[in-house]
Amino acid sequence: MNKEFVFERLKQLIIVYTYPTLPERNSDIMGNPCFMPAHDAAAFFIDIEKEFSIDLNELLPFLKTFSMDDIAERVSNYYDKK
């Protein structure tokens, strides 16, 4: 799956929780200070799981940071390995 396609879809998902602000592509949404409240971040990751049919156990442990860029890369790599 194309990383840019995944990234664009992630932007559509995250804006629900961050409107009107969209995080920078490489900003850590779980960094300090936290960009998103924990319950919104949890809901966002559940949305990712549903949207891309990816097990969060296959996604979360392998992220360097919780940035949209790293998430898009990991989702893209997941589908490339299938």
Protein backbone atom coordinates (compact mmCIF):
# COMPACT_ATOMS: atom_id res chain seq x y z
CA MET A 1 0.00 0.00 0.00
CA ASN A 2 1.34 3.42 -0.93
CA LYS A 3 2.68 5.40 2.05
CA GLU A 4 1.27 8.72 0.77
CA PHE A 5 -2.20 7.18 0.41
CA VAL A 6 -1.98 5.91 3.99
CA PHE A 7 -0.76 9.31 5.20
CA GLU A 8 -3.64 11.14 3.52
CA ARG A 9 -6.14 8.76 5.09
CA LEU A 10 -4.48 9.22 8.49
CA LYS A 11 -4.93 12.99 8.13
CA GLN A 12 -8.64 12.46 7.56
CA LEU A 13 -8.87 10.24 10.64
CA ILE A 14 -6.86 12.43 13.01
CA ILE A 15 -8.62 15.70 12.18
CA VAL A 16 -11.71 14.28 13.92
CA TYR A 17 -9.74 14.40 17.18
CA THR A 18 -7.57 17.47 16.62
CA TYR A 19 -9.78 19.92 14.71
CA PRO A 20 -8.95 22.66 13.88
CA THR A 21 -5.26 21.85 14.36
CA LEU A 22 -3.51 19.15 12.37
CA PRO A 23 -0.25 17.83 13.84
CA GLU A 24 2.94 18.18 11.85
CA ARG A 25 3.82 15.14 9.79
CA ASN A 26 6.72 14.16 12.08
CA SER A 27 5.41 15.40 15.43
CA ASP A 28 4.95 12.73 18.07
CA ILE A 29 1.26 12.80 18.95
CA MET A 30 2.04 10.98 22.21
CA GLY A 31 5.16 13.03 22.98
CA ASN A 32 5.68 15.47 25.79
CA PRO A 33 3.62 17.62 25.99
CA CYS A 34 1.02 15.24 24.66
CA PHE A 35 -0.61 16.49 21.47
CA MET A 36 -3.73 14.40 22.06
CA PRO A 37 -5.45 13.35 25.26
CA ALA A 38 -4.97 9.62 25.95
CA HIS A 39 -8.60 8.72 25.22
CA ASP A 40 -8.48 10.50 21.84
CA ALA A 41 -5.20 8.81 20.96
CA ALA A 42 -6.71 5.42 21.86
CA ALA A 43 -9.75 6.12 19.68
CA PHE A 44 -7.48 7.27 16.82
CA PHE A 45 -5.50 4.01 16.96
CA ILE A 46 -8.71 1.98 17.03
CA ASP A 47 -9.80 3.91 13.92
CA ILE A 48 -6.48 2.97 12.28
CA GLU A 49 -7.05 -0.68 13.19
CA LYS A 50 -10.51 -0.62 11.59
CA GLU A 51 -9.57 1.46 8.53
CA PHE A 52 -6.54 -0.58 7.54
CA SER A 53 -7.54 -3.95 9.01
CA ILE A 54 -4.27 -4.07 10.90
CA ASP A 55 -3.80 -5.59 14.34
CA LEU A 56 -2.52 -2.92 16.72
CA ASN A 57 -0.09 -5.54 18.06
CA GLU A 58 1.49 -5.49 14.59
CA LEU A 59 1.65 -1.70 14.53
CA LEU A 60 2.38 -0.14 17.89
CA PRO A 61 5.47 -2.07 19.10
CA PHE A 62 7.35 -1.24 15.91
CA LEU A 63 6.85 2.54 15.88
CA LYS A 64 9.88 4.73 16.55
CA THR A 65 7.61 7.66 17.41
CA PHE A 66 3.88 8.07 17.29
CA SER A 67 4.02 10.44 14.34
CA MET A 68 1.69 10.23 11.37
CA ASP A 69 4.71 9.73 9.12
CA ASP A 70 5.97 6.73 11.12
CA ILE A 71 2.47 5.27 11.37
CA ALA A 72 1.99 5.61 7.58
CA GLU A 73 5.36 3.98 6.96
CA ARG A 74 4.61 1.06 9.28
CA VAL A 75 1.14 0.46 7.78
CA SER A 76 2.62 0.63 4.29
CA ASN A 77 5.37 -1.84 5.22
CA TYR A 78 2.83 -4.16 6.80
CA TYR A 79 0.94 -4.46 3.53
CA ASP A 80 4.12 -4.77 1.48
CA LYS A 81 5.09 -7.85 3.52
CA LYS A 82 1.71 -9.55 3.00
